[in-house]
Amino acid sequence: MRVQEHMIHGLLELGPSVAPVLFSDDDYYQSYCGTGIDSSNKNSESNENTATPTKSRITCISDFETNPFHLPYIRSIFSKLTSLPYSCQFYGYLNGDILLSPQILDVLNETLHQIAAGVF
């Protein structure tokens, strides 16, 4: 299994408040978009804790500017992200070899509360 798959599934496990956007022109990873595996959609008929094919929550972007090593420029990433039809408080960037703790959502929500309270 490719290490990036763990990151993709981990982002999906964070729930519907997270809208993963995958920057890749690799056909393998493009298969995660549109109709792919959404690990938050459990097979309820058999009560198994397995993912079922469904409309994926992952948006794929394959048209982005890269450096000579084929890594995306951050300005290109954020330009593409801000043009998507999402309304969000935070944008984040992860390399495919990074795993997040589920507590990231708690941290971000607390950050919003602190911003609203004028602490930040």
Protein backbone atom coordinates (compact mmCIF):
# COMPACT_ATOMS: atom_id res chain seq x y z
CA MET A 1 0.00 0.00 0.00
CA ARG A 2 1.31 3.47 -0.81
CA VAL A 3 2.00 5.65 2.21
CA GLN A 4 -0.15 8.47 0.81
CA GLU A 5 -3.22 6.25 1.00
CA HIS A 6 -2.98 6.28 4.79
CA MET A 7 -3.03 10.07 4.75
CA ILE A 8 -6.06 10.12 2.43
CA HIS A 9 -8.00 7.69 4.58
CA GLY A 10 -6.97 9.57 7.73
CA LEU A 11 -8.35 12.82 6.34
CA LEU A 12 -11.62 11.11 5.46
CA GLU A 13 -11.83 9.71 8.99
CA LEU A 14 -11.87 13.27 10.34
CA GLY A 15 -15.46 13.47 9.15
CA PRO A 16 -17.62 15.60 6.87
CA SER A 17 -16.31 18.92 8.18
CA VAL A 18 -13.03 18.19 6.38
CA ALA A 19 -12.97 18.53 2.58
CA PRO A 20 -9.75 16.90 1.38
CA VAL A 21 -8.27 18.24 -1.85
CA LEU A 22 -5.68 16.07 -3.51
CA PHE A 23 -3.11 17.73 -5.76
CA SER A 24 -1.88 14.97 -8.04
CA ASP A 25 -1.80 14.17 -11.72
CA ASP A 26 -1.10 10.50 -11.00
CA ASP A 27 -3.87 8.28 -12.41
CA TYR A 28 -3.68 6.04 -9.35
CA TYR A 29 -4.57 8.88 -6.98
CA GLN A 30 -7.05 10.43 -9.37
CA SER A 31 -9.10 7.24 -8.83
CA TYR A 32 -9.84 8.50 -5.29
CA CYS A 33 -11.92 11.33 -6.71
CA GLY A 34 -15.47 11.37 -8.00
CA THR A 35 -16.44 7.81 -7.27
CA GLY A 36 -13.90 6.29 -4.95
CA ILE A 37 -13.68 4.88 -1.49
CA ASP A 38 -14.98 7.08 1.28
CA SER A 39 -13.92 5.37 4.49
CA SER A 40 -16.44 7.37 6.51
CA ASN A 41 -19.28 5.56 4.71
CA LYS A 42 -19.54 2.26 6.57
CA ASN A 43 -21.52 -0.69 5.29
CA SER A 44 -24.50 -0.53 7.64
CA GLU A 45 -26.41 -3.47 6.16
CA SER A 46 -23.84 -6.01 7.28
CA ASN A 47 -22.67 -4.03 10.33
CA GLU A 48 -19.12 -4.44 9.11
CA ASN A 49 -16.62 -1.70 9.70
CA THR A 50 -15.50 -1.67 6.07
CA ALA A 51 -15.58 1.07 3.48
CA THR A 52 -17.97 0.82 0.57
CA PRO A 53 -17.70 2.44 -2.85
CA THR A 54 -19.54 5.75 -2.90
CA LYS A 55 -19.26 9.32 -4.11
CA SER A 56 -15.92 10.37 -2.70
CA ARG A 57 -15.51 13.53 -0.62
CA ILE A 58 -12.09 14.07 -2.15
CA THR A 59 -11.61 16.76 -4.76
CA CYS A 60 -8.70 16.16 -7.10
CA ILE A 61 -6.77 18.90 -8.83
CA SER A 62 -4.30 17.87 -11.50
CA ASP A 63 -3.64 21.29 -13.05
CA PHE A 64 -1.14 23.10 -10.80
CA GLU A 65 2.26 24.74 -11.11
CA THR A 66 5.26 22.70 -10.00
CA ASN A 67 8.96 23.16 -9.43
CA PRO A 68 11.57 21.14 -11.39
CA PHE A 69 11.07 18.23 -8.94
CA HIS A 70 7.33 18.12 -9.77
CA LEU A 71 6.34 19.42 -6.33
CA PRO A 72 3.50 21.96 -6.30
CA TYR A 73 4.19 25.59 -5.54
CA ILE A 74 2.28 26.72 -2.46
CA ARG A 75 0.97 29.82 -4.27
CA SER A 76 -0.48 27.56 -6.98
CA ILE A 77 -2.10 25.34 -4.34
CA PHE A 78 -3.75 28.23 -2.52
CA SER A 79 -4.81 29.86 -5.78
CA LYS A 80 -6.63 26.66 -6.74
CA LEU A 81 -8.10 26.19 -3.24
CA THR A 82 -9.58 29.67 -3.06
CA SER A 83 -11.29 29.15 -6.42
CA LEU A 84 -13.19 26.07 -5.18
CA PRO A 85 -16.86 26.40 -4.15
CA TYR A 86 -16.08 25.72 -0.47
CA SER A 87 -16.67 27.95 2.49
CA CYS A 88 -14.09 27.25 5.15
CA GLN A 89 -12.31 28.86 8.06
CA PHE A 90 -8.96 27.13 7.53
CA TYR A 91 -6.86 25.75 4.71
CA GLY A 92 -4.08 23.30 5.42
CA TYR A 93 -1.34 21.59 3.51
CA LEU A 94 0.06 18.11 4.16
CA ASN A 95 2.64 16.09 2.36
CA GLY A 96 1.46 12.55 1.70
CA ASP A 97 3.69 11.11 4.41
CA ILE A 98 2.13 13.09 7.28
CA LEU A 99 -0.54 11.71 9.60
CA LEU A 100 -2.78 13.97 11.69
CA SER A 101 -4.24 13.37 15.10
CA PRO A 102 -8.05 13.49 15.23
CA GLN A 103 -7.54 16.21 17.85
CA ILE A 104 -6.66 18.62 15.04
CA LEU A 105 -10.36 19.49 14.75
CA ASP A 106 -10.54 20.30 18.47
CA VAL A 107 -7.48 22.53 18.13
CA LEU A 108 -8.93 24.34 15.12
CA ASN A 109 -12.32 24.82 16.79
CA GLU A 110 -10.65 26.19 19.92
CA THR A 111 -8.61 28.51 17.73
CA LEU A 112 -11.83 29.84 16.17
CA HIS A 113 -13.26 30.48 19.65
CA GLN A 114 -10.08 32.29 20.69
CA ILE A 115 -10.19 34.42 17.55
CA ALA A 116 -13.85 35.31 18.19
CA ALA A 117 -12.98 36.19 21.79
CA GLY A 118 -10.25 38.53 20.58
CA VAL A 119 -7.44 36.51 22.12
CA PHE A 120 -5.70 36.10 18.76
